[in-house]
Protein backbone atom coordinates (compact mmCIF):
# COMPACT_ATOMS: atom_id res chain seq x y z
CA MET A 1 0.02 -0.10 0.10
CA GLU A 2 1.57 3.36 -0.79
CA LYS A 3 2.02 5.96 2.13
CA ILE A 4 -1.50 7.73 2.94
CA ARG A 5 -1.07 11.58 1.78
CA THR A 6 -2.15 13.17 4.73
CA GLY A 7 -3.53 16.89 5.42
CA ILE A 8 -3.90 18.79 9.05
CA ALA A 9 -6.43 21.32 9.07
CA SER A 10 -4.53 23.64 12.10
CA TYR A 11 -1.42 24.04 13.49
CA GLY A 12 -2.51 24.73 16.81
CA MET A 13 -1.61 22.93 20.04
CA SER A 14 -3.52 19.61 18.85
CA GLY A 15 -2.00 19.59 15.15
CA SER A 16 1.74 20.11 16.61
CA VAL A 17 1.44 18.41 19.77
CA PHE A 18 -1.29 15.19 18.74
CA HIS A 19 -1.14 14.91 15.17
CA ALA A 20 1.95 15.90 13.00
CA PRO A 21 4.51 13.93 15.42
CA PHE A 22 2.52 10.44 14.74
CA ILE A 23 1.62 11.01 10.73
CA ALA A 24 5.77 11.97 10.34
CA ASN A 25 6.90 9.16 12.60
CA HIS A 26 4.56 6.38 10.80
CA PRO A 27 6.02 4.86 7.89
CA ALA A 28 2.65 4.40 6.51
CA PHE A 29 1.42 7.68 6.22
CA GLU A 30 2.91 11.03 4.38
CA LEU A 31 2.31 14.30 6.17
CA TYR A 32 1.87 16.15 3.06
CA ALA A 33 -0.08 19.43 3.63
CA ILE A 34 -1.06 21.66 6.72
CA VAL A 35 -3.52 24.66 6.70
CA GLN A 36 -1.65 27.79 8.22
CA ARG A 37 -3.06 31.14 7.58
CA SER A 38 -0.64 33.33 8.25
CA SER A 39 2.54 31.64 9.24
CA ASP A 40 4.93 28.85 8.08
CA SER A 41 6.15 27.72 11.21
CA ALA A 42 5.24 24.16 10.52
CA GLN A 43 8.12 23.79 8.44
CA GLU A 44 10.78 24.49 11.01
CA LYS A 45 10.15 21.22 11.99
CA TYR A 46 8.89 19.60 8.88
CA PRO A 47 10.66 21.20 6.17
CA TRP A 48 8.80 19.11 3.41
CA VAL A 49 5.39 20.03 4.40
CA LYS A 50 2.95 21.71 2.24
CA ILE A 51 1.79 24.91 3.65
CA ILE A 52 -1.92 25.81 2.79
CA ARG A 53 -3.24 28.99 3.39
CA SER A 54 -7.16 27.67 3.55
CA TYR A 55 -9.38 24.33 4.47
CA GLU A 56 -11.23 24.89 1.28
CA GLU A 57 -7.41 24.69 -0.82
CA LEU A 58 -6.85 21.74 1.67
CA LEU A 59 -9.94 19.90 0.22
CA ALA A 60 -9.31 20.97 -3.44
CA ASP A 61 -6.03 19.01 -3.35
CA LYS A 62 -7.44 15.62 -4.72
CA SER A 63 -4.04 13.67 -4.27
CA ILE A 64 -4.58 13.97 -0.18
CA GLN A 65 -6.55 10.80 0.76
CA LEU A 66 -6.69 11.47 4.20
CA VAL A 67 -7.72 15.01 6.57
CA VAL A 68 -7.16 15.38 10.40
CA VAL A 69 -10.15 17.70 11.64
CA ASN A 70 -8.69 19.55 14.32
CA THR A 71 -10.38 23.09 14.58
CA PRO A 72 -12.16 24.40 17.16
CA ASP A 73 -15.27 21.98 18.45
CA VAL A 74 -17.99 24.37 16.68
CA THR A 75 -16.44 23.80 13.40
CA HIS A 76 -16.38 20.04 13.50
CA TYR A 77 -19.91 19.06 11.88
CA GLU A 78 -19.16 21.57 8.76
CA PHE A 79 -16.12 20.66 8.09
CA VAL A 80 -16.29 17.04 8.67
CA LYS A 81 -19.42 17.14 6.27
CA LEU A 82 -16.79 19.17 3.40
CA ALA A 83 -14.44 16.62 3.69
CA LEU A 84 -16.61 13.55 3.26
CA LEU A 85 -18.30 15.10 0.49
CA ALA A 86 -14.68 15.99 -1.21
CA GLY A 87 -13.86 12.19 -1.08
CA LYS A 88 -11.36 12.09 1.91
CA HIS A 89 -11.16 9.81 4.59
CA VAL A 90 -10.97 11.95 8.04
CA ILE A 91 -10.14 11.93 11.38
CA VAL A 92 -11.90 14.44 13.61
CA GLU A 93 -10.69 15.17 17.18
CA LYS A 94 -13.07 14.67 19.99
CA PRO A 95 -15.66 16.06 20.71
CA PHE A 96 -17.07 14.30 17.43
CA VAL A 97 -19.83 16.95 16.94
CA PHE A 98 -22.36 18.27 19.88
CA THR A 99 -25.43 16.73 18.93
CA VAL A 100 -26.75 12.89 17.99
CA HIS A 101 -28.30 14.29 14.78
CA GLU A 102 -25.57 15.77 13.70
CA GLY A 103 -23.48 12.79 14.19
CA GLU A 104 -25.95 10.18 12.48
CA GLU A 105 -26.10 12.92 9.50
CA LEU A 106 -22.05 12.13 9.13
CA ILE A 107 -22.18 8.68 9.62
CA ALA A 108 -24.74 8.42 7.13
CA LEU A 109 -23.05 10.57 4.41
CA ALA A 110 -19.31 8.48 5.36
CA LYS A 111 -21.30 5.35 4.48
CA LYS A 112 -22.39 6.72 1.28
CA GLN A 113 -19.41 8.18 0.36
CA ASN A 114 -17.35 4.78 1.23
CA ARG A 115 -14.90 6.80 3.47
CA MET A 116 -13.85 6.07 7.08
CA LEU A 117 -14.68 8.37 9.64
CA CYS A 118 -12.83 8.28 12.94
CA VAL A 119 -12.70 10.14 15.93
CA TYR A 120 -9.63 10.97 17.71
CA GLN A 121 -9.93 9.01 20.98
CA ASN A 122 -6.52 8.78 22.09
CA ARG A 123 -6.87 8.03 26.04
CA ARG A 124 -7.76 5.10 24.65
CA TRP A 125 -4.20 4.34 24.92
CA ASP A 126 -3.20 6.06 28.12
CA GLY A 127 -0.99 3.69 29.83
CA ASP A 128 -2.95 4.09 33.18
CA PHE A 129 -6.19 3.55 31.17
CA LEU A 130 -4.77 0.03 29.31
CA THR A 131 -3.31 -0.89 33.05
CA VAL A 132 -7.10 -0.14 34.40
CA LYS A 133 -8.10 -2.56 31.57
CA GLN A 134 -5.92 -5.18 32.25
CA VAL A 135 -6.38 -5.12 36.26
CA ILE A 136 -10.23 -5.51 35.38
CA ASN A 137 -9.55 -8.07 32.84
CA SER A 138 -7.61 -9.96 35.02
CA GLY A 139 -10.27 -10.65 37.42
CA SER A 140 -7.83 -10.05 40.47
CA LEU A 141 -10.76 -7.10 41.38
CA GLY A 142 -13.84 -9.91 41.16
CA GLN A 143 -16.86 -7.93 40.02
CA VAL A 144 -16.34 -4.48 40.16
CA VAL A 145 -18.19 -2.75 41.78
CA GLU A 146 -17.12 0.94 41.81
CA PHE A 147 -15.06 2.63 39.54
CA GLN A 148 -14.07 6.34 39.65
CA SER A 149 -12.44 8.83 37.43
CA ALA A 150 -11.13 12.07 38.02
CA TYR A 151 -9.01 14.48 36.38
CA GLN A 152 -7.83 17.48 38.01
CA ARG A 153 -6.66 20.46 36.75
CA TYR A 154 -5.95 24.02 38.34
CA ARG A 155 -6.34 27.23 36.55
CA ASN A 156 -7.93 29.60 38.67
CA TYR A 157 -8.47 32.26 35.88
CA ILE A 158 -9.77 33.23 32.60
CA GLN A 159 -7.28 32.06 29.84
CA PRO A 160 -7.28 34.84 27.50
CA GLY A 161 -7.42 34.53 23.73
CA THR A 162 -8.50 31.00 23.26
CA TRP A 163 -12.04 29.62 21.85
CA LYS A 164 -11.96 27.15 24.78
CA GLU A 165 -13.12 29.81 26.91
CA LYS A 166 -15.62 31.30 24.71
CA ALA A 167 -19.59 30.85 25.11
CA ASP A 168 -20.31 28.75 21.77
CA HIS A 169 -22.54 26.05 21.45
CA ARG A 170 -21.93 23.57 24.56
CA VAL A 171 -17.96 24.83 24.26
CA GLY A 172 -16.96 23.70 27.61
CA LEU A 173 -14.90 21.13 29.83
CA THR A 174 -17.74 18.69 29.85
CA TYR A 175 -17.40 17.92 25.78
CA ASN A 176 -13.36 18.43 25.66
CA LEU A 177 -12.54 16.57 28.71
CA GLY A 178 -15.73 14.67 29.12
CA SER A 179 -15.60 13.03 25.87
CA HIS A 180 -12.48 11.25 26.85
CA MET A 181 -13.36 9.95 29.97
CA ILE A 182 -17.24 8.84 29.20
CA ASP A 183 -15.24 6.86 26.05
CA GLN A 184 -13.10 5.15 28.76
CA ALA A 185 -16.32 4.04 30.86
CA VAL A 186 -18.36 3.06 27.85
CA THR A 187 -15.31 1.10 26.38
CA LEU A 188 -14.84 -0.89 29.92
CA PHE A 189 -18.98 -1.26 30.83
CA GLY A 190 -20.56 -0.64 27.52
CA ILE A 191 -23.46 2.18 27.32
CA PRO A 192 -25.04 2.79 30.88
CA GLN A 193 -28.76 2.63 31.17
CA ALA A 194 -29.25 6.47 32.42
CA VAL A 195 -27.21 9.28 33.30
CA TYR A 196 -27.05 12.06 36.70
CA ALA A 197 -24.75 15.14 36.26
CA ASP A 198 -23.95 17.99 37.77
CA ILE A 199 -22.28 20.52 35.30
CA ASP A 200 -21.46 24.21 36.55
CA LYS A 201 -19.20 27.43 36.10
CA LEU A 202 -17.10 27.84 39.17
CA ARG A 203 -14.43 30.43 38.19
CA GLU A 204 -15.30 33.99 38.40
CA GLY A 205 -16.55 35.48 35.03
CA THR A 206 -16.23 31.91 33.22
CA GLN A 207 -18.51 31.43 30.06
CA VAL A 208 -17.97 28.09 29.62
CA ASP A 209 -18.56 24.98 32.24
CA ASP A 210 -15.75 24.22 34.07
CA TYR A 211 -16.70 21.42 36.35
CA TYR A 212 -18.22 18.23 36.34
CA HIS A 213 -19.70 15.51 38.35
CA ILE A 214 -21.24 12.75 36.41
CA GLN A 215 -22.60 9.42 37.50
CA LEU A 216 -23.27 6.90 34.88
CA LEU A 217 -25.93 4.28 35.94
CA TYR A 218 -25.17 0.63 35.25
CA PRO A 219 -26.99 -2.34 37.37
CA GLN A 220 -23.62 -3.70 38.97
CA VAL A 221 -21.21 -0.87 38.90
CA LYS A 222 -21.14 2.68 40.20
CA VAL A 223 -19.39 4.87 37.58
CA THR A 224 -18.31 8.56 38.59
CA LEU A 225 -16.35 10.85 36.12
CA ARG A 226 -15.26 14.28 38.01
CA ALA A 227 -13.09 17.13 36.58
CA GLY A 228 -12.71 20.87 37.20
CA TYR A 229 -10.21 23.51 36.79
CA LEU A 230 -10.08 24.39 40.78
CA MET A 231 -8.52 20.99 41.69
CA ARG A 232 -5.07 21.82 42.90
CA GLU A 233 -4.69 18.76 45.09
CA GLU A 234 -4.19 16.08 43.49
CA THR A 235 -6.71 12.88 44.28
CA PRO A 236 -6.70 9.48 42.67
CA ARG A 237 -6.77 9.52 38.62
CA TYR A 238 -8.89 6.46 39.04
CA TYR A 239 -9.99 4.04 41.88
CA ILE A 240 -11.82 0.70 41.34
CA HIS A 241 -13.31 -1.52 44.21
CA GLY A 242 -14.30 -5.10 43.30
CA THR A 243 -15.52 -7.76 45.49
CA LYS A 244 -11.90 -9.16 45.45
CA GLY A 245 -9.99 -5.79 45.84
CA SER A 246 -8.98 -2.54 45.02
CA PHE A 247 -7.00 -0.81 42.59
CA VAL A 248 -5.76 2.87 43.07
CA LYS A 249 -3.89 4.90 40.33
CA TYR A 250 -2.42 8.64 40.76
CA GLY A 251 -0.80 10.19 38.20
CA LEU A 252 -1.18 11.03 34.36
CA ASP A 253 0.13 9.39 30.98
CA PRO A 254 3.06 11.39 30.63
CA GLN A 255 2.60 10.90 26.56
CA GLU A 256 1.35 14.60 26.47
CA GLU A 257 3.90 16.32 28.27
CA ALA A 258 6.61 14.42 26.07
CA LEU A 259 5.04 15.53 23.08
CA LYS A 260 4.64 19.38 24.53
CA ALA A 261 8.47 19.06 25.43
CA GLY A 262 8.98 18.22 21.48
CA LEU A 263 10.05 14.37 22.08
CA PRO A 264 9.25 12.46 19.09
CA PRO A 265 7.11 9.36 19.72
CA THR A 266 9.77 7.25 18.57
CA SER A 267 11.82 7.97 21.61
CA PRO A 268 13.33 5.69 23.83
CA ASN A 269 10.82 4.40 26.97
CA TRP A 270 8.24 6.16 25.11
CA GLY A 271 5.19 6.67 27.34
CA ALA A 272 6.64 4.76 30.47
CA ASP A 273 5.12 5.56 33.70
CA GLU A 274 7.52 6.86 36.80
CA GLU A 275 7.66 4.18 39.47
CA SER A 276 6.30 6.37 42.20
CA THR A 277 3.00 6.81 40.27
CA PHE A 278 2.59 2.91 39.62
CA GLY A 279 -0.87 1.97 40.64
CA ILE A 280 -1.90 0.20 44.23
CA LEU A 281 -3.50 -3.06 44.15
CA ASN A 282 -4.62 -4.54 47.28
CA THR A 283 -6.11 -7.98 46.87
CA GLU A 284 -6.07 -11.84 47.26
CA LEU A 285 -4.17 -13.75 45.00
CA ASN A 286 -4.17 -17.88 45.04
CA ASP A 287 -5.59 -17.36 48.72
CA LEU A 288 -2.86 -14.95 50.10
CA HIS A 289 -3.35 -11.33 50.43
CA PHE A 290 -1.29 -9.14 48.17
CA ARG A 291 -1.15 -5.67 48.46
CA GLY A 292 1.55 -3.82 46.09
CA LYS A 293 2.72 -1.97 42.72
CA ILE A 294 1.75 -2.69 39.47
CA GLU A 295 3.86 -1.68 36.61
CA THR A 296 1.77 0.78 34.24
CA ILE A 297 1.84 -0.41 30.65
CA SER A 298 3.37 1.80 28.29
CA GLY A 299 0.94 4.26 26.87
CA ASN A 300 1.15 4.78 22.90
CA TYR A 301 -0.93 7.16 21.25
CA MET A 302 1.16 5.70 17.79
CA ALA A 303 -1.52 2.61 18.09
CA PHE A 304 -4.47 4.99 16.99
CA TYR A 305 -2.72 5.79 13.86
CA GLU A 306 -1.57 2.18 13.27
CA ASP A 307 -5.33 1.08 14.01
CA VAL A 308 -6.24 4.14 10.93
CA TYR A 309 -3.59 2.68 8.85
CA GLN A 310 -4.84 -1.11 9.38
CA SER A 311 -8.23 0.22 8.60
CA LEU A 312 -7.61 1.76 5.36
CA LYS A 313 -5.52 -1.30 4.13
CA SER A 314 -8.45 -4.03 5.14
CA GLY A 315 -11.24 -2.06 5.21
CA LYS A 316 -12.19 -3.07 8.59
CA MET A 317 -13.54 -0.77 10.94
CA PRO A 318 -11.36 1.28 13.08
CA GLN A 319 -11.75 0.87 17.06
CA ALA A 320 -12.65 4.89 16.97
CA ASP A 321 -15.12 4.58 14.20
CA ALA A 322 -17.24 7.54 14.67
CA SER A 323 -20.58 5.25 14.72
CA VAL A 324 -18.30 3.39 18.00
CA VAL A 325 -18.17 7.19 19.53
CA LEU A 326 -21.73 8.27 19.07
CA PRO A 327 -22.85 7.01 22.23
CA VAL A 328 -20.19 9.28 23.52
CA ILE A 329 -22.33 12.25 22.47
CA ARG A 330 -26.10 10.50 23.32
CA ILE A 331 -24.42 10.82 26.86
CA ILE A 332 -23.07 14.11 27.04
CA GLU A 333 -26.57 15.24 25.69
CA ALA A 334 -28.37 13.28 28.69
CA ALA A 335 -25.60 14.72 31.13
CA PHE A 336 -26.67 18.45 30.41
CA GLU A 337 -30.44 17.32 30.20
CA SER A 338 -29.81 16.15 33.72
CA ASN A 339 -28.29 18.85 34.96
CA GLU A 340 -31.03 21.37 33.76
CA LYS A 341 -33.67 19.05 35.08
CA LYS A 342 -32.25 17.82 38.19
CA ARG A 343 -32.61 14.33 37.73
CA ALA A 344 -31.51 11.27 36.26
CA VAL A 345 -32.05 10.75 32.32
CA THR A 346 -32.82 7.28 30.84
CA LEU A 347 -30.83 6.67 27.74
């Protein structure tokens, strides 16, 4: 298979940190073009790349097979639609869209055009989450009865000059970060029966939601997801309780910070966790009490692009196909409805 000629719709943090390094370092992809409206900065790191001044020009290039839609959230629906109509395969940043209706329309269009539509749910390949999956699947916790996931940030001011702080549709923490945390929960436990949520704006002067506490209601397991911008003291990233034991994990996957520091994903020990933040497993193994550290599986965002490559090569559905991710949008819509009505919303 020839290299997949790829264009990136924006070179902000998403383009420069989460997409370009993987496309450039995966042998099956050709990082061919990047949209920069007034700068050529992408060529400092990728001197061969073609700088394009508009998204329309990107889509007009018939040689480009795959487009990464990583523009502001409010543009996703329109830009994905245009890319599919132009005959491109598409990777779209999360959140995929704002409404289930928009998502269903784009999924139907992708099917009609016979094109891949995949959502960048890269945190399925966080090392801590891969470890959580392994611990649960190993049976060492018994039947899982409680799962809590928390993501702490501390920014007690309104960051200037970013679309993420401006009220537009439902731009805010719930769609931005909740789409990752809900996707992880659905990957583990499936679609819940109902959702109960508290979503709020806690920082003075904020236009967007900057806090959420979401409960996903299942028959056998209690799932709680929390995040906010006023969480200065670290709490566990995950803690999970089962009929045989518990697993607690602190710290964040190191890949994002490594990418921000300019390290390529081909670096030695990529995605490896510090031993100080290995999770603690407290359980029974072979009728003996065990309490000790569990080495974190190395994170690997490159696996997302490898999965995309294998999908385009074989025609199989990618793991983060838009049709698979659409329930995440349904759950987020239900979370906002729950917050407004102050009651659980059945799915």
